[in-house]
Amino acid sequence: VDYSNKFGFGFQMSDGSVGVLFNDSTKIGTTPAMDIVEFTDMKGKTFCFPWDDNANQPFPELNHRVSLLKYYIQYMDDNLADSITFIPGMETIRTGQKTTVPQLRRWGRRG
């Protein structure tokens, strides 16, 4: 979902994980089970914390970004076709990535 004029680009992976690449190059995402939130700052440092629907975040300065992540999740659930694919025997392959949640590095709009 492209809101790069205002916030950034939201995406959902086929395993159900959801993330946002913000215009300032920071990133936030959550696991398919929505139990962990992962935030990567502009220097590439990653912070993980448990998902909390009651806004009891260990990093209060991220409340706005967590709210935007929730907005993207709700928007995609309400307006986009279900893209989550579960195939019997499907498993996640570890790639040496240091993060739990898949992250988008770059997004460009053409046209």
Protein backbone atom coordinates (compact mmCIF):
# COMPACT_ATOMS: atom_id res chain seq x y z
CA VAL A 1 0.00 0.00 0.00
CA ASP A 2 1.68 3.17 -1.21
CA TYR A 3 1.21 6.16 1.09
CA SER A 4 4.71 7.44 0.36
CA ASN A 5 3.38 10.96 -0.16
CA LYS A 6 2.56 11.01 3.55
CA PHE A 7 4.05 8.11 5.58
CA GLY A 8 5.68 5.36 3.59
CA PHE A 9 5.04 2.03 1.89
CA GLY A 10 3.22 -0.81 3.63
CA PHE A 11 3.50 -4.43 2.56
CA GLN A 12 2.31 -7.89 3.50
CA MET A 13 4.39 -10.97 2.76
CA SER A 14 2.92 -14.31 1.72
CA ASP A 15 3.63 -15.70 5.21
CA GLY A 16 1.40 -12.99 6.76
CA SER A 17 4.10 -10.75 8.18
CA VAL A 18 3.39 -7.04 7.66
CA GLY A 19 5.79 -4.12 7.52
CA VAL A 20 6.15 -0.45 6.70
CA LEU A 21 9.12 1.28 5.10
CA PHE A 22 8.78 4.88 6.25
CA ASN A 23 9.87 7.86 4.17
CA ASP A 24 12.79 8.49 6.56
CA SER A 25 14.08 4.92 5.81
CA THR A 26 13.12 3.57 9.22
CA LYS A 27 11.20 0.30 9.19
CA ILE A 28 8.63 -1.39 11.38
CA GLY A 29 7.03 -4.79 11.03
CA THR A 30 5.33 -7.62 12.81
CA THR A 31 5.39 -11.38 12.63
CA PRO A 32 2.49 -13.33 11.09
CA ALA A 33 1.19 -14.11 14.59
CA MET A 34 1.44 -10.39 15.47
CA ASP A 35 3.25 -11.22 18.69
CA ILE A 36 6.50 -9.36 18.02
CA VAL A 37 7.11 -5.88 16.63
CA GLU A 38 10.47 -5.05 15.14
CA PHE A 39 11.68 -1.50 14.50
CA THR A 40 14.85 -0.56 12.62
CA ASP A 41 16.13 2.99 13.04
CA MET A 42 17.97 5.16 10.49
CA LYS A 43 21.33 3.76 11.60
CA GLY A 44 20.19 0.17 11.03
CA LYS A 45 19.85 -0.73 14.71
CA THR A 46 16.92 -3.11 15.28
CA PHE A 47 14.72 -3.19 18.38
CA CYS A 48 12.23 -6.00 19.10
CA PHE A 49 9.38 -5.83 21.57
CA PRO A 50 6.13 -7.70 22.20
CA TRP A 51 2.97 -6.57 20.42
CA ASP A 52 0.63 -4.86 22.89
CA ASP A 53 -2.87 -3.81 21.85
CA ASN A 54 -3.08 -1.60 24.94
CA ALA A 55 -0.31 0.75 23.75
CA ASN A 56 1.97 -0.30 26.62
CA GLN A 57 5.03 -0.14 24.42
CA PRO A 58 8.51 -0.29 25.96
CA PHE A 59 9.45 2.51 23.53
CA PRO A 60 6.73 5.20 23.87
CA GLU A 61 8.38 7.25 21.13
CA LEU A 62 7.32 4.51 18.69
CA ASN A 63 3.60 4.66 19.57
CA HIS A 64 2.80 6.69 16.45
CA ARG A 65 4.66 4.27 14.19
CA VAL A 66 2.98 1.26 15.82
CA SER A 67 -0.37 3.01 15.24
CA LEU A 68 0.52 3.45 11.56
CA LEU A 69 1.49 -0.23 11.35
CA LYS A 70 -1.94 -1.12 12.80
CA TYR A 71 -3.57 1.18 10.24
CA TYR A 72 -1.77 -0.53 7.35
CA ILE A 73 -2.74 -3.97 8.70
CA GLN A 74 -6.39 -2.96 9.02
CA TYR A 75 -6.42 -1.35 5.57
CA MET A 76 -4.95 -4.43 3.91
CA ASP A 77 -7.34 -6.74 5.78
CA ASP A 78 -10.34 -4.65 4.72
CA ASN A 79 -9.44 -3.70 1.15
CA LEU A 80 -7.00 -6.12 -0.42
CA ALA A 81 -7.38 -9.70 -1.55
CA ASP A 82 -6.12 -12.29 0.88
CA SER A 83 -2.52 -12.88 -0.16
CA ILE A 84 -1.49 -15.09 2.73
CA THR A 85 -0.64 -18.50 1.35
CA PHE A 86 -0.31 -21.56 3.54
CA ILE A 87 0.86 -24.62 1.67
CA PRO A 88 1.19 -27.93 3.51
CA GLY A 89 4.84 -28.42 4.40
CA MET A 90 5.65 -24.72 3.86
CA GLU A 91 8.36 -23.45 6.15
CA THR A 92 10.34 -20.28 6.64
CA ILE A 93 13.89 -20.43 5.36
CA ARG A 94 16.47 -18.49 7.36
CA THR A 95 18.67 -16.38 5.12
CA GLY A 96 21.19 -14.96 7.54
CA GLN A 97 19.00 -11.88 7.94
CA LYS A 98 19.47 -10.39 11.40
CA THR A 99 15.79 -9.58 11.83
CA THR A 100 12.76 -11.73 12.65
CA VAL A 101 10.37 -9.81 10.40
CA PRO A 102 11.05 -9.48 6.65
CA GLN A 103 12.02 -5.90 5.83
CA LEU A 104 11.82 -3.87 2.66
CA ARG A 105 15.01 -1.97 1.92
CA ARG A 106 13.87 0.29 -0.85
CA TRP A 107 10.71 1.29 -2.67
CA GLY A 108 10.46 3.36 -5.82
CA ARG A 109 7.41 4.49 -7.72
CA ARG A 110 7.49 4.73 -11.49
CA GLY A 111 4.96 6.09 -13.86
